[in-house]
Amino acid sequence: VPAGPDHRGADLMGASLRRAALDRASLRGAYLIAADLRGASLRRADLIGADLRDADLSGADLSDALFVTLSQVNAARGDGTTLLPARLARPAHWG
């Protein structure tokens, strides 16, 4: 169970969260559509049901984020420096 910030169901659409420390945060069901998460740390963050459409994950660390899915990652933007869990393939459109 995450013990970080509680953002369950939060409306964070378009939010500037660049380099935010969101380790162990609960982002269950949060709306992160088009949020700027460049360089953010999302280690052990709970992303079940989070909407990451068009969120910028460039340089973000999701290496051990909880419940992140391939469909969430595919809907987001990222780059070669974005860290994903080993079980998820890097989307081709990330370059």
PDB file of N, CA and C in Angstrom:
ATOM      1  N   VAL A   1       0.855  -1.190   0.000  1.00  0.00           N
ATOM      2  CA  VAL A   1       0.000   0.000   0.000  1.00  0.00           C
ATOM      3  C   VAL A   1       0.887   1.236   0.000  1.00  0.00           C
ATOM      4  N   PRO A   2       0.704   2.113  -0.966  1.00  0.00           N
ATOM      5  CA  PRO A   2       1.505   3.328  -1.001  1.00  0.00           C
ATOM      6  C   PRO A   2       1.322   4.180   0.258  1.00  0.00           C
ATOM      7  N   ALA A   3       2.405   4.828   0.668  1.00  0.00           N
ATOM      8  CA  ALA A   3       2.362   5.687   1.848  1.00  0.00           C
ATOM      9  C   ALA A   3       2.781   7.104   1.503  1.00  0.00           C
ATOM     10  N   GLY A   4       2.756   7.434   0.219  1.00  0.00           N
ATOM     11  CA  GLY A   4       3.127   8.773  -0.233  1.00  0.00           C
ATOM     12  C   GLY A   4       1.896   9.648  -0.367  1.00  0.00           C
ATOM     13  N   PRO A   5       1.989  10.691  -1.193  1.00  0.00           N
ATOM     14  CA  PRO A   5       0.866  11.610  -1.391  1.00  0.00           C
ATOM     15  C   PRO A   5      -0.392  10.884  -1.891  1.00  0.00           C
ATOM     16  N   ASP A   6      -1.542  11.314  -1.439  1.00  0.00           N
ATOM     17  CA  ASP A   6      -2.811  10.705  -1.834  1.00  0.00           C
ATOM     18  C   ASP A   6      -3.508  11.587  -2.864  1.00  0.00           C
ATOM     19  N   HIS A   7      -3.493  11.127  -4.111  1.00  0.00           N
ATOM     20  CA  HIS A   7      -4.138  11.862  -5.203  1.00  0.00           C
ATOM     21  C   HIS A   7      -5.186  10.983  -5.869  1.00  0.00           C
ATOM     22  N   ARG A   8      -5.819  10.101  -5.112  1.00  0.00           N
ATOM     23  CA  ARG A   8      -6.835   9.212  -5.682  1.00  0.00           C
ATOM     24  C   ARG A   8      -7.955  10.030  -6.312  1.00  0.00           C
ATOM     25  N   GLY A   9      -8.238   9.727  -7.585  1.00  0.00           N
ATOM     26  CA  GLY A   9      -9.335  10.377  -8.288  1.00  0.00           C
ATOM     27  C   GLY A   9      -9.136  11.861  -8.548  1.00  0.00           C
ATOM     28  N   ALA A  10      -7.930  12.372  -8.332  1.00  0.00           N
ATOM     29  CA  ALA A  10      -7.676  13.813  -8.486  1.00  0.00           C
ATOM     30  C   ALA A  10      -7.732  14.247  -9.949  1.00  0.00           C
ATOM     31  N   ASP A  11      -8.165  15.463 -10.167  1.00  0.00           N
ATOM     32  CA  ASP A  11      -8.160  16.065 -11.492  1.00  0.00           C
ATOM     33  C   ASP A  11      -6.833  16.793 -11.650  1.00  0.00           C
ATOM     34  N   LEU A  12      -5.887  16.131 -12.304  1.00  0.00           N
ATOM     35  CA  LEU A  12      -4.564  16.704 -12.533  1.00  0.00           C
ATOM     36  C   LEU A  12      -4.330  16.902 -14.031  1.00  0.00           C
ATOM     37  N   MET A  13      -5.426  17.115 -14.765  1.00  0.00           N
ATOM     38  CA  MET A  13      -5.326  17.311 -16.209  1.00  0.00           C
ATOM     39  C   MET A  13      -4.490  18.551 -16.511  1.00  0.00           C
ATOM     40  N   GLY A  14      -3.450  18.357 -17.318  1.00  0.00           N
ATOM     41  CA  GLY A  14      -2.591  19.462 -17.718  1.00  0.00           C
ATOM     42  C   GLY A  14      -1.693  19.986 -16.602  1.00  0.00           C
ATOM     43  N   ALA A  15      -1.641  19.294 -15.476  1.00  0.00           N
ATOM     44  CA  ALA A  15      -0.858  19.774 -14.326  1.00  0.00           C
ATOM     45  C   ALA A  15       0.632  19.768 -14.626  1.00  0.00           C
ATOM     46  N   SER A  16       1.323  20.737 -14.072  1.00  0.00           N
ATOM     47  CA  SER A  16       2.772  20.810 -14.180  1.00  0.00           C
ATOM     48  C   SER A  16       3.373  20.048 -13.006  1.00  0.00           C
ATOM     49  N   LEU A  17       3.798  18.823 -13.270  1.00  0.00           N
ATOM     50  CA  LEU A  17       4.373  17.959 -12.238  1.00  0.00           C
ATOM     51  C   LEU A  17       5.798  17.571 -12.616  1.00  0.00           C
ATOM     52  N   ARG A  18       6.450  18.462 -13.340  1.00  0.00           N
ATOM     53  CA  ARG A  18       7.817  18.205 -13.799  1.00  0.00           C
ATOM     54  C   ARG A  18       8.733  17.994 -12.599  1.00  0.00           C
ATOM     55  N   ARG A  19       9.479  16.897 -12.646  1.00  0.00           N
ATOM     56  CA  ARG A  19      10.424  16.502 -11.593  1.00  0.00           C
ATOM     57  C   ARG A  19       9.758  16.329 -10.225  1.00  0.00           C
ATOM     58  N   ALA A  20       8.459  16.072 -10.210  1.00  0.00           N
ATOM     59  CA  ALA A  20       7.731  15.872  -8.943  1.00  0.00           C
ATOM     60  C   ALA A  20       8.151  14.556  -8.288  1.00  0.00           C
ATOM     61  N   ALA A  21       8.219  14.580  -6.970  1.00  0.00           N
ATOM     62  CA  ALA A  21       8.508  13.375  -6.193  1.00  0.00           C
ATOM     63  C   ALA A  21       7.174  12.729  -5.843  1.00  0.00           C
ATOM     64  N   LEU A  22       6.769  11.759  -6.645  1.00  0.00           N
ATOM     65  CA  LEU A  22       5.495  11.075  -6.446  1.00  0.00           C
ATOM     66  C   LEU A  22       5.720   9.622  -6.036  1.00  0.00           C
ATOM     67  N   ASP A  23       6.872   9.364  -5.426  1.00  0.00           N
ATOM     68  CA  ASP A  23       7.166   8.019  -4.952  1.00  0.00           C
ATOM     69  C   ASP A  23       6.103   7.591  -3.955  1.00  0.00           C
ATOM     70  N   ARG A  24       5.622   6.360  -4.143  1.00  0.00           N
ATOM     71  CA  ARG A  24       4.619   5.743  -3.260  1.00  0.00           C
ATOM     72  C   ARG A  24       3.290   6.516  -3.222  1.00  0.00           C
ATOM     73  N   ALA A  25       3.066   7.388  -4.181  1.00  0.00           N
ATOM     74  CA  ALA A  25       1.812   8.147  -4.234  1.00  0.00           C
ATOM     75  C   ALA A  25       0.665   7.253  -4.691  1.00  0.00           C
ATOM     76  N   SER A  26      -0.523   7.546  -4.212  1.00  0.00           N
ATOM     77  CA  SER A  26      -1.714   6.893  -4.734  1.00  0.00           C
ATOM     78  C   SER A  26      -2.297   7.799  -5.805  1.00  0.00           C
ATOM     79  N   LEU A  27      -2.247   7.316  -7.047  1.00  0.00           N
ATOM     80  CA  LEU A  27      -2.817   8.039  -8.183  1.00  0.00           C
ATOM     81  C   LEU A  27      -3.946   7.224  -8.798  1.00  0.00           C
ATOM     82  N   ARG A  28      -4.569   6.372  -7.965  1.00  0.00           N
ATOM     83  CA  ARG A  28      -5.673   5.532  -8.438  1.00  0.00           C
ATOM     84  C   ARG A  28      -6.789   6.389  -9.028  1.00  0.00           C
ATOM     85  N   GLY A  29      -7.105   6.114 -10.289  1.00  0.00           N
ATOM     86  CA  GLY A  29      -8.207   6.813 -10.930  1.00  0.00           C
ATOM     87  C   GLY A  29      -7.966   8.287 -11.168  1.00  0.00           C
ATOM     88  N   ALA A  30      -6.726   8.760 -11.012  1.00  0.00           N
ATOM     89  CA  ALA A  30      -6.428  10.177 -11.224  1.00  0.00           C
ATOM     90  C   ALA A  30      -6.462  10.510 -12.712  1.00  0.00           C
ATOM     91  N   TYR A  31      -6.865  11.723 -13.017  1.00  0.00           N
ATOM     92  CA  TYR A  31      -6.892  12.221 -14.386  1.00  0.00           C
ATOM     93  C   TYR A  31      -5.597  12.993 -14.625  1.00  0.00           C
ATOM     94  N   LEU A  32      -4.658  12.349 -15.320  1.00  0.00           N
ATOM     95  CA  LEU A  32      -3.361  12.951 -15.616  1.00  0.00           C
ATOM     96  C   LEU A  32      -3.245  13.271 -17.102  1.00  0.00           C
ATOM     97  N   ILE A  33      -4.386  13.500 -17.740  1.00  0.00           N
ATOM     98  CA  ILE A  33      -4.419  13.774 -19.177  1.00  0.00           C
ATOM     99  C   ILE A  33      -3.590  15.023 -19.474  1.00  0.00           C
ATOM    100  N   ALA A  34      -2.615  14.862 -20.379  1.00  0.00           N
ATOM    101  CA  ALA A  34      -1.730  15.946 -20.825  1.00  0.00           C
ATOM    102  C   ALA A  34      -0.917  16.568 -19.682  1.00  0.00           C
ATOM    103  N   ALA A  35      -0.743  15.854 -18.583  1.00  0.00           N
ATOM    104  CA  ALA A  35       0.076  16.361 -17.475  1.00  0.00           C
ATOM    105  C   ALA A  35       1.552  16.316 -17.860  1.00  0.00           C
ATOM    106  N   ASP A  36       2.314  17.258 -17.348  1.00  0.00           N
ATOM    107  CA  ASP A  36       3.752  17.301 -17.566  1.00  0.00           C
ATOM    108  C   ASP A  36       4.427  16.555 -16.422  1.00  0.00           C
ATOM    109  N   LEU A  37       4.816  15.315 -16.684  1.00  0.00           N
ATOM    110  CA  LEU A  37       5.478  14.472 -15.687  1.00  0.00           C
ATOM    111  C   LEU A  37       6.936  14.224 -16.069  1.00  0.00           C
ATOM    112  N   ARG A  38       7.503  15.137 -16.871  1.00  0.00           N
ATOM    113  CA  ARG A  38       8.896  14.970 -17.289  1.00  0.00           C
ATOM    114  C   ARG A  38       9.810  14.928 -16.070  1.00  0.00           C
ATOM    115  N   GLY A  39      10.610  13.873 -16.000  1.00  0.00           N
ATOM    116  CA  GLY A  39      11.571  13.736 -14.922  1.00  0.00           C
ATOM    117  C   GLY A  39      10.982  13.392 -13.567  1.00  0.00           C
ATOM    118  N   ALA A  40       9.695  13.118 -13.509  1.00  0.00           N
ATOM    119  CA  ALA A  40       9.034  12.794 -12.235  1.00  0.00           C
ATOM    120  C   ALA A  40       9.439  11.407 -11.752  1.00  0.00           C
ATOM    121  N   SER A  41       9.455  11.229 -10.452  1.00  0.00           N
ATOM    122  CA  SER A  41       9.730   9.930  -9.856  1.00  0.00           C
ATOM    123  C   SER A  41       8.412   9.326  -9.392  1.00  0.00           C
ATOM    124  N   LEU A  42       8.063   8.205  -9.996  1.00  0.00           N
ATOM    125  CA  LEU A  42       6.808   7.511  -9.695  1.00  0.00           C
ATOM    126  C   LEU A  42       7.092   6.110  -9.163  1.00  0.00           C
ATOM    127  N   ARG A  43       8.184   5.980  -8.436  1.00  0.00           N
ATOM    128  CA  ARG A  43       8.569   4.672  -7.903  1.00  0.00           C
ATOM    129  C   ARG A  43       7.558   4.218  -6.863  1.00  0.00           C
ATOM    130  N   ARG A  44       7.066   2.987  -7.059  1.00  0.00           N
ATOM    131  CA  ARG A  44       6.062   2.366  -6.176  1.00  0.00           C
ATOM    132  C   ARG A  44       4.753   3.163  -6.111  1.00  0.00           C
ATOM    133  N   ALA A  45       4.526   4.059  -7.063  1.00  0.00           N
ATOM    134  CA  ALA A  45       3.254   4.790  -7.128  1.00  0.00           C
ATOM    135  C   ALA A  45       2.164   3.854  -7.639  1.00  0.00           C
ATOM    136  N   ASP A  46       0.971   3.971  -7.098  1.00  0.00           N
ATOM    137  CA  ASP A  46      -0.184   3.154  -7.482  1.00  0.00           C
ATOM    138  C   ASP A  46      -0.904   3.856  -8.628  1.00  0.00           C
ATOM    139  N   LEU A  47      -0.814   3.285  -9.825  1.00  0.00           N
ATOM    140  CA  LEU A  47      -1.397   3.909 -11.014  1.00  0.00           C
ATOM    141  C   LEU A  47      -2.628   3.179 -11.532  1.00  0.00           C
ATOM    142  N   ILE A  48      -3.254   2.343 -10.707  1.00  0.00           N
ATOM    143  CA  ILE A  48      -4.414   1.599 -11.176  1.00  0.00           C
ATOM    144  C   ILE A  48      -5.514   2.577 -11.617  1.00  0.00           C
ATOM    145  N   GLY A  49      -5.932   2.441 -12.858  1.00  0.00           N
ATOM    146  CA  GLY A  49      -7.010   3.273 -13.386  1.00  0.00           C
ATOM    147  C   GLY A  49      -6.645   4.722 -13.664  1.00  0.00           C
ATOM    148  N   ALA A  50      -5.367   5.092 -13.528  1.00  0.00           N
ATOM    149  CA  ALA A  50      -4.963   6.479 -13.821  1.00  0.00           C
ATOM    150  C   ALA A  50      -5.027   6.707 -15.329  1.00  0.00           C
ATOM    151  N   ASP A  51      -5.515   7.869 -15.727  1.00  0.00           N
ATOM    152  CA  ASP A  51      -5.645   8.206 -17.143  1.00  0.00           C
ATOM    153  C   ASP A  51      -4.411   9.005 -17.559  1.00  0.00           C
ATOM    154  N   LEU A  52      -3.537   8.359 -18.316  1.00  0.00           N
ATOM    155  CA  LEU A  52      -2.271   8.971 -18.730  1.00  0.00           C
ATOM    156  C   LEU A  52      -2.289   9.426 -20.191  1.00  0.00           C
ATOM    157  N   ARG A  53      -3.467   9.576 -20.767  1.00  0.00           N
ATOM    158  CA  ARG A  53      -3.539   9.993 -22.171  1.00  0.00           C
ATOM    159  C   ARG A  53      -2.800  11.310 -22.378  1.00  0.00           C
ATOM    160  N   ASP A  54      -1.847  11.280 -23.306  1.00  0.00           N
ATOM    161  CA  ASP A  54      -1.058  12.443 -23.711  1.00  0.00           C
ATOM    162  C   ASP A  54      -0.214  13.030 -22.575  1.00  0.00           C
ATOM    163  N   ALA A  55      -0.064  12.311 -21.467  1.00  0.00           N
ATOM    164  CA  ALA A  55       0.833  12.769 -20.393  1.00  0.00           C
ATOM    165  C   ALA A  55       2.265  12.630 -20.886  1.00  0.00           C
ATOM    166  N   ASP A  56       3.123  13.581 -20.547  1.00  0.00           N
ATOM    167  CA  ASP A  56       4.519  13.528 -20.963  1.00  0.00           C
ATOM    168  C   ASP A  56       5.343  12.863 -19.870  1.00  0.00           C
ATOM    169  N   LEU A  57       5.784  11.644 -20.138  1.00  0.00           N
ATOM    170  CA  LEU A  57       6.571  10.857 -19.184  1.00  0.00           C
ATOM    171  C   LEU A  57       8.051  10.858 -19.539  1.00  0.00           C
ATOM    172  N   SER A  58       8.496  11.781 -20.368  1.00  0.00           N
ATOM    173  CA  SER A  58       9.899  11.830 -20.772  1.00  0.00           C
ATOM    174  C   SER A  58      10.795  11.938 -19.538  1.00  0.00           C
ATOM    175  N   GLY A  59      11.723  11.002 -19.417  1.00  0.00           N
ATOM    176  CA  GLY A  59      12.655  11.015 -18.298  1.00  0.00           C
ATOM    177  C   GLY A  59      12.075  10.603 -16.962  1.00  0.00           C
ATOM    178  N   ALA A  60      10.807  10.221 -16.931  1.00  0.00           N
ATOM    179  CA  ALA A  60      10.167   9.814 -15.668  1.00  0.00           C
ATOM    180  C   ALA A  60      10.602   8.413 -15.269  1.00  0.00           C
ATOM    181  N   ASP A  61      10.563   8.132 -13.980  1.00  0.00           N
ATOM    182  CA  ASP A  61      10.931   6.808 -13.461  1.00  0.00           C
ATOM    183  C   ASP A  61       9.677   6.078 -13.002  1.00  0.00           C
ATOM    184  N   LEU A  62       9.232   5.139 -13.827  1.00  0.00           N
ATOM    185  CA  LEU A  62       8.104   4.270 -13.497  1.00  0.00           C
ATOM    186  C   LEU A  62       8.599   2.835 -13.364  1.00  0.00           C
ATOM    187  N   SER A  63       9.883   2.655 -13.079  1.00  0.00           N
ATOM    188  CA  SER A  63      10.512   1.336 -13.116  1.00  0.00           C
ATOM    189  C   SER A  63       9.849   0.315 -12.207  1.00  0.00           C
ATOM    190  N   ASP A  64       9.305   0.760 -11.091  1.00  0.00           N
ATOM    191  CA  ASP A  64       8.601  -0.184 -10.220  1.00  0.00           C
ATOM    192  C   ASP A  64       7.244   0.380  -9.785  1.00  0.00           C
ATOM    193  N   ALA A  65       6.628   1.174 -10.685  1.00  0.00           N
ATOM    194  CA  ALA A  65       5.285   1.694 -10.425  1.00  0.00           C
ATOM    195  C   ALA A  65       4.309   0.516 -10.342  1.00  0.00           C
ATOM    196  N   LEU A  66       3.305   0.658  -9.502  1.00  0.00           N
ATOM    197  CA  LEU A  66       2.342  -0.414  -9.282  1.00  0.00           C
ATOM    198  C   LEU A  66       1.162  -0.303 -10.236  1.00  0.00           C
ATOM    199  N   PHE A  67       0.792  -1.414 -10.820  1.00  0.00           N
ATOM    200  CA  PHE A  67      -0.418  -1.551 -11.641  1.00  0.00           C
ATOM    201  C   PHE A  67      -0.408  -0.714 -12.914  1.00  0.00           C
ATOM    202  N   VAL A  68       0.740  -0.248 -13.368  1.00  0.00           N
ATOM    203  CA  VAL A  68       0.799   0.472 -14.640  1.00  0.00           C
ATOM    204  C   VAL A  68       0.660  -0.553 -15.759  1.00  0.00           C
ATOM    205  N   THR A  69      -0.136  -0.213 -16.770  1.00  0.00           N
ATOM    206  CA  THR A  69      -0.424  -1.149 -17.856  1.00  0.00           C
ATOM    207  C   THR A  69       0.145  -0.671 -19.185  1.00  0.00           C
ATOM    208  N   LEU A  70       0.245  -1.594 -20.110  1.00  0.00           N
ATOM    209  CA  LEU A  70       0.720  -1.257 -21.443  1.00  0.00           C
ATOM    210  C   LEU A  70      -0.203  -0.239 -22.112  1.00  0.00           C
ATOM    211  N   SER A  71      -1.503  -0.359 -21.911  1.00  0.00           N
ATOM    212  CA  SER A  71      -2.422   0.600 -22.539  1.00  0.00           C
ATOM    213  C   SER A  71      -2.220   2.008 -21.976  1.00  0.00           C
ATOM    214  N   GLN A  72      -1.915   2.126 -20.691  1.00  0.00           N
ATOM    215  CA  GLN A  72      -1.631   3.445 -20.111  1.00  0.00           C
ATOM    216  C   GLN A  72      -0.364   4.036 -20.732  1.00  0.00           C
ATOM    217  N   VAL A  73       0.674   3.209 -20.834  1.00  0.00           N
ATOM    218  CA  VAL A  73       1.947   3.656 -21.391  1.00  0.00           C
ATOM    219  C   VAL A  73       1.781   4.028 -22.863  1.00  0.00           C
ATOM    220  N   ASN A  74       1.032   3.229 -23.611  1.00  0.00           N
ATOM    221  CA  ASN A  74       0.814   3.514 -25.026  1.00  0.00           C
ATOM    222  C   ASN A  74       0.060   4.823 -25.244  1.00  0.00           C
ATOM    223  N   ALA A  75      -0.769   5.214 -24.294  1.00  0.00           N
ATOM    224  CA  ALA A  75      -1.555   6.432 -24.420  1.00  0.00           C
ATOM    225  C   ALA A  75      -0.752   7.676 -24.042  1.00  0.00           C
ATOM    226  N   ALA A  76       0.396   7.474 -23.399  1.00  0.00           N
ATOM    227  CA  ALA A  76       1.228   8.579 -22.935  1.00  0.00           C
ATOM    228  C   ALA A  76       2.348   8.865 -23.933  1.00  0.00           C
ATOM    229  N   ARG A  77       3.091   9.928 -23.664  1.00  0.00           N
ATOM    230  CA  ARG A  77       4.285  10.249 -24.435  1.00  0.00           C
ATOM    231  C   ARG A  77       5.504   9.994 -23.548  1.00  0.00           C
ATOM    232  N   GLY A  78       6.578   9.548 -24.142  1.00  0.00           N
ATOM    233  CA  GLY A  78       7.796   9.298 -23.403  1.00  0.00           C
ATOM    234  C   GLY A  78       8.979   9.339 -24.336  1.00  0.00           C
ATOM    235  N   ASP A  79      10.153   8.985 -23.815  1.00  0.00           N
ATOM    236  CA  ASP A  79      11.346   8.970 -24.647  1.00  0.00           C
ATOM    237  C   ASP A  79      12.294   7.870 -24.172  1.00  0.00           C
ATOM    238  N   GLY A  80      13.477   7.860 -24.711  1.00  0.00           N
ATOM    239  CA  GLY A  80      14.452   6.826 -24.384  1.00  0.00           C
ATOM    240  C   GLY A  80      14.944   6.860 -22.951  1.00  0.00           C
ATOM    241  N   THR A  81      14.675   7.956 -22.240  1.00  0.00           N
ATOM    242  CA  THR A  81      15.115   8.056 -20.848  1.00  0.00           C
ATOM    243  C   THR A  81      14.014   7.705 -19.851  1.00  0.00           C
ATOM    244  N   THR A  82      12.817   7.436 -20.351  1.00  0.00           N
ATOM    245  CA  THR A  82      11.712   7.026 -19.479  1.00  0.00           C
ATOM    246  C   THR A  82      11.979   5.602 -18.991  1.00  0.00           C
ATOM    247  N   LEU A  83      11.925   5.405 -17.677  1.00  0.00           N
ATOM    248  CA  LEU A  83      12.164   4.080 -17.104  1.00  0.00           C
ATOM    249  C   LEU A  83      10.827   3.394 -16.854  1.00  0.00           C
ATOM    250  N   LEU A  84      10.657   2.214 -17.473  1.00  0.00           N
ATOM    251  CA  LEU A  84       9.424   1.439 -17.353  1.00  0.00           C
ATOM    252  C   LEU A  84       9.698   0.130 -16.628  1.00  0.00           C
ATOM    253  N   PRO A  85       8.659  -0.471 -16.048  1.00  0.00           N
ATOM    254  CA  PRO A  85       8.846  -1.808 -15.482  1.00  0.00           C
ATOM    255  C   PRO A  85       9.335  -2.758 -16.581  1.00  0.00           C
ATOM    256  N   ALA A  86      10.181  -3.698 -16.222  1.00  0.00           N
ATOM    257  CA  ALA A  86      10.776  -4.628 -17.190  1.00  0.00           C
ATOM    258  C   ALA A  86       9.717  -5.398 -17.978  1.00  0.00           C
ATOM    259  N   ARG A  87       8.541  -5.610 -17.390  1.00  0.00           N
ATOM    260  CA  ARG A  87       7.495  -6.398 -18.050  1.00  0.00           C
ATOM    261  C   ARG A  87       6.790  -5.634 -19.173  1.00  0.00           C
ATOM    262  N   LEU A  88       7.013  -4.321 -19.268  1.00  0.00           N
ATOM    263  CA  LEU A  88       6.349  -3.514 -20.291  1.00  0.00           C
ATOM    264  C   LEU A  88       7.312  -3.135 -21.405  1.00  0.00           C
ATOM    265  N   ALA A  89       6.844  -3.288 -22.639  1.00  0.00           N
ATOM    266  CA  ALA A  89       7.645  -2.895 -23.799  1.00  0.00           C
ATOM    267  C   ALA A  89       7.537  -1.389 -24.015  1.00  0.00           C
ATOM    268  N   ARG A  90       8.645  -0.792 -24.403  1.00  0.00           N
ATOM    269  CA  ARG A  90       8.651   0.648 -24.717  1.00  0.00           C
ATOM    270  C   ARG A  90       7.856   0.852 -25.999  1.00  0.00           C
ATOM    271  N   PRO A  91       6.875   1.732 -25.997  1.00  0.00           N
ATOM    272  CA  PRO A  91       6.086   1.981 -27.213  1.00  0.00           C
ATOM    273  C   PRO A  91       6.955   2.484 -28.357  1.00  0.00           C
ATOM    274  N   ALA A  92       6.706   1.986 -29.557  1.00  0.00           N
ATOM    275  CA  ALA A  92       7.476   2.371 -30.733  1.00  0.00           C
ATOM    276  C   ALA A  92       7.382   3.869 -31.011  1.00  0.00           C
ATOM    277  N   HIS A  93       6.222   4.475 -30.705  1.00  0.00           N
ATOM    278  CA  HIS A  93       6.055   5.902 -31.009  1.00  0.00           C
ATOM    279  C   HIS A  93       6.848   6.804 -30.052  1.00  0.00           C
ATOM    280  N   TRP A  94       7.490   6.237 -29.044  1.00  0.00           N
ATOM    281  CA  TRP A  94       8.329   7.027 -28.147  1.00  0.00           C
ATOM    282  C   TRP A  94       9.698   7.323 -28.757  1.00  0.00           C
ATOM    283  N   GLY A  95      10.045   6.609 -29.832  1.00  0.00           N
ATOM    284  CA  GLY A  95      11.319   6.847 -30.501  1.00  0.00           C
ATOM    285  C   GLY A  95      12.513   6.251 -29.809  1.00  0.00           C
TER     286      GLY A  95
END
